[in-house]
Amino acid sequence: MIEQIKFNIENLKNYLINMKTSDIYLILTEKELDKVRNIFNTYNKDFEQYKKEILKKGSSVNFNINKDKNFVFTKFHLSNLCNLFINDIIDELELNFIVDLIIASINSFENIEILEKLETLTDPEINGFITKEYASTMIL
């Protein structure tokens, strides 16, 4: 699974998106939902292009990750991320995109089970579409 995700990430060719790990961290930890939405709005043009490309079979999007913040991805982060989706703060493709970025940019996970759960929230071409019911099973 990790190799397939790495293949998809490393072979992205259609569009370039830049994102910072500090923004990913804020998305995962910010309590004020308006601030989370504002972070997403910063990347709105990029997300719209990602959505167009990722829905095409076999297409992909190129992105750069500025690793300006290191952190360990934990159960807390996974729960917060799923809550953003369940509460309609982010949509499914934004969830897929953020998860791809997390997997590509975060070097430390609380444990392998957290990483394995996170991997199930990636690209719909790989894992199928995500429901709110499924996301609610991730909340610990």
N, C-alpha and C. Protein backbone atom coordinates (compact mmCIF):
# COMPACT_ATOMS: atom_id res chain seq x y z
N MET A 1 0.82 -1.19 0.00
CA MET A 1 0.00 0.00 0.00
C MET A 1 0.86 1.26 0.00
N ILE A 2 1.87 1.32 0.89
CA ILE A 2 2.72 2.49 0.95
C ILE A 2 3.46 2.67 -0.37
N GLU A 3 3.92 1.58 -0.98
CA GLU A 3 4.64 1.68 -2.24
C GLU A 3 3.73 2.25 -3.33
N GLN A 4 2.46 1.85 -3.35
CA GLN A 4 1.53 2.35 -4.35
C GLN A 4 1.29 3.85 -4.16
N ILE A 5 1.16 4.29 -2.91
CA ILE A 5 0.97 5.70 -2.64
C ILE A 5 2.22 6.48 -3.04
N LYS A 6 3.39 5.96 -2.70
CA LYS A 6 4.63 6.62 -3.10
C LYS A 6 4.72 6.71 -4.61
N PHE A 7 4.32 5.64 -5.31
CA PHE A 7 4.35 5.67 -6.77
C PHE A 7 3.46 6.79 -7.29
N ASN A 8 2.25 6.89 -6.77
CA ASN A 8 1.34 7.94 -7.22
C ASN A 8 1.89 9.32 -6.91
N ILE A 9 2.47 9.49 -5.74
CA ILE A 9 3.00 10.79 -5.35
C ILE A 9 4.24 11.14 -6.16
N GLU A 10 5.14 10.19 -6.36
CA GLU A 10 6.39 10.47 -7.05
C GLU A 10 6.22 10.64 -8.56
N ASN A 11 5.13 10.16 -9.11
CA ASN A 11 4.93 10.25 -10.55
C ASN A 11 3.85 11.26 -10.93
N LEU A 12 3.66 12.26 -10.11
CA LEU A 12 2.66 13.28 -10.39
C LEU A 12 3.21 14.25 -11.43
N LYS A 13 2.40 14.56 -12.45
CA LYS A 13 2.94 15.34 -13.55
C LYS A 13 2.07 16.49 -14.04
N ASN A 14 0.84 16.62 -13.65
CA ASN A 14 -0.07 17.53 -14.31
C ASN A 14 -0.13 18.95 -13.76
N TYR A 15 0.04 19.15 -12.49
CA TYR A 15 -0.17 20.45 -11.87
C TYR A 15 0.68 20.51 -10.61
N LEU A 16 1.23 21.67 -10.30
CA LEU A 16 2.13 21.81 -9.16
C LEU A 16 1.43 22.54 -8.01
N ILE A 17 1.40 21.92 -6.85
CA ILE A 17 0.83 22.51 -5.64
C ILE A 17 1.93 22.57 -4.59
N ASN A 18 2.01 23.69 -3.89
CA ASN A 18 2.96 23.85 -2.79
C ASN A 18 2.19 23.94 -1.49
N MET A 19 2.63 23.22 -0.49
CA MET A 19 2.00 23.29 0.82
C MET A 19 3.06 23.13 1.89
N LYS A 20 2.81 23.71 3.06
CA LYS A 20 3.74 23.64 4.17
C LYS A 20 3.23 22.65 5.22
N THR A 21 4.15 21.94 5.85
CA THR A 21 3.75 21.03 6.92
C THR A 21 3.16 21.80 8.10
N SER A 22 3.55 23.05 8.28
CA SER A 22 2.95 23.85 9.36
C SER A 22 1.47 24.08 9.08
N ASP A 23 1.08 24.22 7.82
CA ASP A 23 -0.35 24.35 7.48
C ASP A 23 -1.08 23.03 7.72
N ILE A 24 -0.44 21.93 7.39
CA ILE A 24 -1.05 20.62 7.66
C ILE A 24 -1.26 20.47 9.17
N TYR A 25 -0.26 20.84 9.95
CA TYR A 25 -0.37 20.76 11.40
C TYR A 25 -1.52 21.61 11.92
N LEU A 26 -1.66 22.83 11.39
CA LEU A 26 -2.76 23.70 11.82
C LEU A 26 -4.11 23.09 11.47
N ILE A 27 -4.21 22.50 10.30
CA ILE A 27 -5.46 21.84 9.91
C ILE A 27 -5.81 20.74 10.90
N LEU A 28 -4.82 20.03 11.36
CA LEU A 28 -5.04 18.89 12.27
C LEU A 28 -5.27 19.30 13.72
N THR A 29 -4.90 20.52 14.10
CA THR A 29 -4.95 20.90 15.51
C THR A 29 -5.79 22.12 15.83
N GLU A 30 -6.08 22.93 14.85
CA GLU A 30 -6.81 24.18 15.10
C GLU A 30 -8.23 23.90 15.58
N LYS A 31 -8.63 24.57 16.66
CA LYS A 31 -9.97 24.38 17.22
C LYS A 31 -11.01 25.29 16.56
N GLU A 32 -10.57 26.43 16.05
CA GLU A 32 -11.49 27.35 15.39
C GLU A 32 -11.65 26.92 13.93
N LEU A 33 -12.83 26.42 13.62
CA LEU A 33 -13.07 25.85 12.29
C LEU A 33 -12.95 26.88 11.18
N ASP A 34 -13.23 28.15 11.48
CA ASP A 34 -13.05 29.19 10.48
C ASP A 34 -11.59 29.31 10.07
N LYS A 35 -10.69 29.14 11.02
CA LYS A 35 -9.26 29.21 10.70
C LYS A 35 -8.85 28.02 9.81
N VAL A 36 -9.41 26.85 10.09
CA VAL A 36 -9.12 25.68 9.25
C VAL A 36 -9.60 25.94 7.84
N ARG A 37 -10.83 26.44 7.71
CA ARG A 37 -11.38 26.73 6.38
C ARG A 37 -10.52 27.77 5.67
N ASN A 38 -10.02 28.76 6.41
CA ASN A 38 -9.16 29.79 5.81
C ASN A 38 -7.87 29.19 5.26
N ILE A 39 -7.32 28.21 5.96
CA ILE A 39 -6.11 27.54 5.45
C ILE A 39 -6.44 26.85 4.13
N PHE A 40 -7.57 26.15 4.10
CA PHE A 40 -7.98 25.51 2.85
C PHE A 40 -8.23 26.53 1.75
N ASN A 41 -8.82 27.66 2.11
CA ASN A 41 -9.08 28.71 1.11
C ASN A 41 -7.79 29.24 0.52
N THR A 42 -6.72 29.24 1.29
CA THR A 42 -5.41 29.66 0.78
C THR A 42 -4.99 28.80 -0.40
N TYR A 43 -5.37 27.53 -0.36
CA TYR A 43 -5.00 26.57 -1.40
C TYR A 43 -6.19 26.24 -2.32
N ASN A 44 -7.20 27.11 -2.34
CA ASN A 44 -8.43 26.82 -3.08
C ASN A 44 -8.19 26.53 -4.56
N LYS A 45 -7.41 27.35 -5.22
CA LYS A 45 -7.13 27.13 -6.65
C LYS A 45 -6.44 25.78 -6.85
N ASP A 46 -5.52 25.46 -5.98
CA ASP A 46 -4.80 24.19 -6.07
C ASP A 46 -5.74 23.00 -5.82
N PHE A 47 -6.61 23.12 -4.81
CA PHE A 47 -7.55 22.04 -4.54
C PHE A 47 -8.52 21.82 -5.70
N GLU A 48 -8.96 22.92 -6.30
CA GLU A 48 -9.88 22.79 -7.44
C GLU A 48 -9.20 22.06 -8.59
N GLN A 49 -7.96 22.38 -8.86
CA GLN A 49 -7.23 21.69 -9.91
C GLN A 49 -7.00 20.22 -9.54
N TYR A 50 -6.66 19.97 -8.30
CA TYR A 50 -6.49 18.61 -7.81
C TYR A 50 -7.77 17.80 -8.03
N LYS A 51 -8.90 18.38 -7.67
CA LYS A 51 -10.19 17.69 -7.82
C LYS A 51 -10.44 17.32 -9.28
N LYS A 52 -10.16 18.25 -10.18
CA LYS A 52 -10.36 17.97 -11.61
C LYS A 52 -9.47 16.82 -12.07
N GLU A 53 -8.22 16.86 -11.67
CA GLU A 53 -7.24 15.87 -12.14
C GLU A 53 -7.44 14.50 -11.49
N ILE A 54 -7.70 14.48 -10.19
CA ILE A 54 -7.74 13.21 -9.48
C ILE A 54 -8.95 12.38 -9.89
N LEU A 55 -9.99 13.02 -10.38
CA LEU A 55 -11.17 12.28 -10.81
C LEU A 55 -10.99 11.64 -12.19
N LYS A 56 -9.93 12.03 -12.89
CA LYS A 56 -9.62 11.39 -14.17
C LYS A 56 -8.82 10.12 -13.88
N LYS A 57 -9.24 9.03 -14.43
CA LYS A 57 -8.55 7.76 -14.19
C LYS A 57 -7.08 7.86 -14.59
N GLY A 58 -6.21 7.52 -13.68
CA GLY A 58 -4.78 7.49 -13.96
C GLY A 58 -4.07 8.83 -13.90
N SER A 59 -4.81 9.93 -13.70
CA SER A 59 -4.14 11.23 -13.66
C SER A 59 -3.66 11.53 -12.25
N SER A 60 -2.87 12.54 -12.12
CA SER A 60 -2.33 12.89 -10.82
C SER A 60 -1.91 14.35 -10.79
N VAL A 61 -1.54 14.82 -9.62
CA VAL A 61 -1.17 16.21 -9.41
C VAL A 61 0.19 16.25 -8.74
N ASN A 62 1.05 17.12 -9.22
CA ASN A 62 2.38 17.26 -8.66
C ASN A 62 2.33 18.24 -7.49
N PHE A 63 3.00 17.94 -6.39
CA PHE A 63 3.06 18.89 -5.28
C PHE A 63 4.41 18.86 -4.60
N ASN A 64 4.73 20.02 -4.05
CA ASN A 64 5.93 20.18 -3.24
C ASN A 64 5.51 20.40 -1.80
N ILE A 65 6.24 19.83 -0.88
CA ILE A 65 5.92 19.99 0.53
C ILE A 65 7.09 20.67 1.21
N ASN A 66 6.82 21.84 1.77
CA ASN A 66 7.82 22.56 2.53
C ASN A 66 7.76 22.03 3.96
N LYS A 67 8.74 21.26 4.35
CA LYS A 67 8.76 20.63 5.68
C LYS A 67 9.30 21.62 6.71
N ASP A 68 8.46 22.63 6.98
CA ASP A 68 8.85 23.68 7.91
C ASP A 68 8.47 23.36 9.36
N LYS A 69 7.77 22.25 9.59
CA LYS A 69 7.41 21.83 10.94
C LYS A 69 7.43 20.31 11.01
N ASN A 70 8.10 19.79 12.03
CA ASN A 70 8.11 18.35 12.28
C ASN A 70 7.16 18.05 13.43
N PHE A 71 6.40 16.97 13.28
CA PHE A 71 5.54 16.52 14.38
C PHE A 71 5.22 15.05 14.19
N VAL A 72 4.78 14.44 15.27
CA VAL A 72 4.37 13.03 15.25
C VAL A 72 2.87 13.01 14.99
N PHE A 73 2.45 12.25 13.98
CA PHE A 73 1.02 12.11 13.68
C PHE A 73 0.42 11.10 14.66
N THR A 74 -0.63 11.52 15.38
CA THR A 74 -1.19 10.71 16.47
C THR A 74 -2.67 10.39 16.25
N LYS A 75 -3.23 9.61 17.18
CA LYS A 75 -4.67 9.31 17.18
C LYS A 75 -5.47 10.61 17.22
N PHE A 76 -5.00 11.55 17.98
CA PHE A 76 -5.66 12.86 18.09
C PHE A 76 -5.78 13.52 16.72
N HIS A 77 -4.70 13.52 15.95
CA HIS A 77 -4.71 14.14 14.62
C HIS A 77 -5.67 13.40 13.69
N LEU A 78 -5.64 12.07 13.73
CA LEU A 78 -6.53 11.27 12.89
C LEU A 78 -7.99 11.56 13.22
N SER A 79 -8.31 11.62 14.49
CA SER A 79 -9.68 11.92 14.91
C SER A 79 -10.11 13.31 14.46
N ASN A 80 -9.24 14.29 14.64
CA ASN A 80 -9.56 15.65 14.20
C ASN A 80 -9.78 15.72 12.69
N LEU A 81 -8.94 15.04 11.95
CA LEU A 81 -9.07 15.03 10.50
C LEU A 81 -10.41 14.42 10.08
N CYS A 82 -10.77 13.31 10.67
CA CYS A 82 -12.05 12.66 10.35
C CYS A 82 -13.23 13.54 10.76
N ASN A 83 -13.10 14.23 11.88
CA ASN A 83 -14.17 15.15 12.30
C ASN A 83 -14.36 16.30 11.32
N LEU A 84 -13.28 16.78 10.73
CA LEU A 84 -13.40 17.83 9.72
C LEU A 84 -14.23 17.35 8.53
N PHE A 85 -14.04 16.11 8.14
CA PHE A 85 -14.81 15.53 7.04
C PHE A 85 -16.26 15.28 7.46
N ILE A 86 -16.44 14.66 8.60
CA ILE A 86 -17.79 14.33 9.08
C ILE A 86 -18.64 15.59 9.25
N ASN A 87 -18.02 16.68 9.70
CA ASN A 87 -18.73 17.93 9.95
C ASN A 87 -18.75 18.87 8.75
N ASP A 88 -18.40 18.36 7.57
CA ASP A 88 -18.47 19.12 6.31
C ASP A 88 -17.58 20.36 6.27
N ILE A 89 -16.49 20.34 7.03
CA ILE A 89 -15.51 21.43 6.94
C ILE A 89 -14.64 21.20 5.71
N ILE A 90 -14.33 19.94 5.44
CA ILE A 90 -13.63 19.56 4.21
C ILE A 90 -14.45 18.48 3.52
N ASP A 91 -14.27 18.40 2.21
CA ASP A 91 -14.97 17.35 1.47
C ASP A 91 -14.06 16.14 1.29
N GLU A 92 -14.59 15.12 0.66
CA GLU A 92 -13.84 13.87 0.54
C GLU A 92 -12.52 14.04 -0.21
N LEU A 93 -12.53 14.79 -1.29
CA LEU A 93 -11.30 14.94 -2.06
C LEU A 93 -10.27 15.79 -1.32
N GLU A 94 -10.73 16.75 -0.54
CA GLU A 94 -9.79 17.50 0.30
C GLU A 94 -9.20 16.57 1.36
N LEU A 95 -10.02 15.70 1.90
CA LEU A 95 -9.53 14.70 2.85
C LEU A 95 -8.48 13.81 2.18
N ASN A 96 -8.79 13.29 0.99
CA ASN A 96 -7.83 12.46 0.25
C ASN A 96 -6.51 13.19 0.05
N PHE A 97 -6.61 14.43 -0.37
CA PHE A 97 -5.42 15.22 -0.67
C PHE A 97 -4.57 15.45 0.57
N ILE A 98 -5.20 15.87 1.67
CA ILE A 98 -4.46 16.11 2.91
C ILE A 98 -3.80 14.82 3.39
N VAL A 99 -4.51 13.72 3.29
CA VAL A 99 -3.92 12.43 3.71
C VAL A 99 -2.71 12.09 2.85
N ASP A 100 -2.81 12.27 1.54
CA ASP A 100 -1.65 12.03 0.68
C ASP A 100 -0.47 12.90 1.11
N LEU A 101 -0.75 14.16 1.41
CA LEU A 101 0.32 15.07 1.86
C LEU A 101 0.91 14.63 3.19
N ILE A 102 0.06 14.18 4.11
CA ILE A 102 0.55 13.73 5.42
C ILE A 102 1.47 12.52 5.23
N ILE A 103 1.01 11.56 4.45
CA ILE A 103 1.81 10.35 4.25
C ILE A 103 3.15 10.68 3.59
N ALA A 104 3.13 11.64 2.67
CA ALA A 104 4.36 12.01 1.96
C ALA A 104 5.29 12.86 2.81
N SER A 105 4.76 13.59 3.78
CA SER A 105 5.60 14.58 4.46
C SER A 105 5.91 14.29 5.92
N ILE A 106 5.09 13.49 6.58
CA ILE A 106 5.30 13.24 8.00
C ILE A 106 6.13 11.96 8.16
N ASN A 107 7.20 12.07 8.89
CA ASN A 107 8.12 10.94 9.07
C ASN A 107 7.79 10.10 10.28
N SER A 108 7.01 10.64 11.22
CA SER A 108 6.77 9.94 12.47
C SER A 108 5.27 9.77 12.72
N PHE A 109 4.90 8.54 13.03
CA PHE A 109 3.52 8.22 13.37
C PHE A 109 3.51 7.58 14.75
N GLU A 110 2.45 7.84 15.49
CA GLU A 110 2.35 7.30 16.85
C GLU A 110 2.56 5.79 16.87
N ASN A 111 1.99 5.10 15.88
CA ASN A 111 2.21 3.67 15.73
C ASN A 111 1.80 3.25 14.32
N ILE A 112 2.10 2.04 13.95
CA ILE A 112 1.83 1.55 12.60
C ILE A 112 0.33 1.48 12.32
N GLU A 113 -0.48 1.22 13.36
CA GLU A 113 -1.92 1.14 13.17
C GLU A 113 -2.49 2.48 12.73
N ILE A 114 -1.97 3.56 13.26
CA ILE A 114 -2.43 4.91 12.86
C ILE A 114 -2.10 5.13 11.39
N LEU A 115 -0.89 4.77 10.98
CA LEU A 115 -0.51 4.91 9.58
C LEU A 115 -1.40 4.05 8.68
N GLU A 116 -1.67 2.83 9.08
CA GLU A 116 -2.52 1.94 8.27
C GLU A 116 -3.93 2.49 8.14
N LYS A 117 -4.49 3.03 9.22
CA LYS A 117 -5.81 3.64 9.14
C LYS A 117 -5.78 4.86 8.23
N LEU A 118 -4.76 5.66 8.37
CA LEU A 118 -4.62 6.87 7.54
C LEU A 118 -4.56 6.50 6.06
N GLU A 119 -3.84 5.45 5.75
CA GLU A 119 -3.70 5.02 4.34
C GLU A 119 -5.04 4.68 3.70
N THR A 120 -6.03 4.28 4.49
CA THR A 120 -7.33 3.93 3.92
C THR A 120 -8.13 5.16 3.51
N LEU A 121 -7.63 6.34 3.84
CA LEU A 121 -8.32 7.59 3.52
C LEU A 121 -7.73 8.30 2.31
N THR A 122 -6.96 7.58 1.52
CA THR A 122 -6.32 8.20 0.35
C THR A 122 -7.21 8.11 -0.88
N ASP A 123 -6.67 8.52 -1.96
CA ASP A 123 -7.23 8.55 -3.31
C ASP A 123 -8.34 7.52 -3.56
N PRO A 124 -9.51 7.98 -4.05
CA PRO A 124 -10.62 7.04 -4.30
C PRO A 124 -10.31 5.99 -5.36
N GLU A 125 -9.40 6.26 -6.26
CA GLU A 125 -9.03 5.27 -7.27
C GLU A 125 -8.33 4.07 -6.61
N ILE A 126 -7.67 4.32 -5.50
CA ILE A 126 -6.96 3.26 -4.78
C ILE A 126 -7.88 2.58 -3.77
N ASN A 127 -8.57 3.37 -2.96
CA ASN A 127 -9.32 2.83 -1.83
C ASN A 127 -10.84 2.92 -1.93
N GLY A 128 -11.35 3.50 -3.00
CA GLY A 128 -12.79 3.71 -3.09
C GLY A 128 -13.18 4.98 -2.35
N PHE A 129 -14.47 5.29 -2.42
CA PHE A 129 -14.97 6.52 -1.82
C PHE A 129 -15.16 6.34 -0.32
N ILE A 130 -14.98 7.43 0.41
CA ILE A 130 -15.05 7.41 1.87
C ILE A 130 -16.41 7.95 2.30
N THR A 131 -17.05 7.25 3.20
CA THR A 131 -18.31 7.72 3.75
C THR A 131 -18.08 8.31 5.12
N LYS A 132 -19.06 9.10 5.57
CA LYS A 132 -18.97 9.67 6.92
C LYS A 132 -19.04 8.55 7.96
N GLU A 133 -19.79 7.50 7.64
CA GLU A 133 -19.89 6.38 8.57
C GLU A 133 -18.52 5.72 8.75
N TYR A 134 -17.81 5.53 7.63
CA TYR A 134 -16.47 4.94 7.72
C TYR A 134 -15.53 5.87 8.50
N ALA A 135 -15.57 7.16 8.20
CA ALA A 135 -14.70 8.11 8.89
C ALA A 135 -14.99 8.11 10.39
N SER A 136 -16.25 7.92 10.76
CA SER A 136 -16.59 7.92 12.19
C SER A 136 -15.96 6.73 12.93
N THR A 137 -15.64 5.66 12.20
CA THR A 137 -14.97 4.52 12.85
C THR A 137 -13.52 4.84 13.19
N MET A 138 -12.98 5.89 12.60
CA MET A 138 -11.59 6.30 12.85
C MET A 138 -11.45 7.15 14.09
N ILE A 139 -12.56 7.70 14.56
CA ILE A 139 -12.52 8.59 15.71
C ILE A 139 -12.35 7.77 16.96
N LEU A 140 -11.29 8.10 17.69
CA LEU A 140 -10.92 7.28 18.85
C LEU A 140 -11.30 7.96 20.15
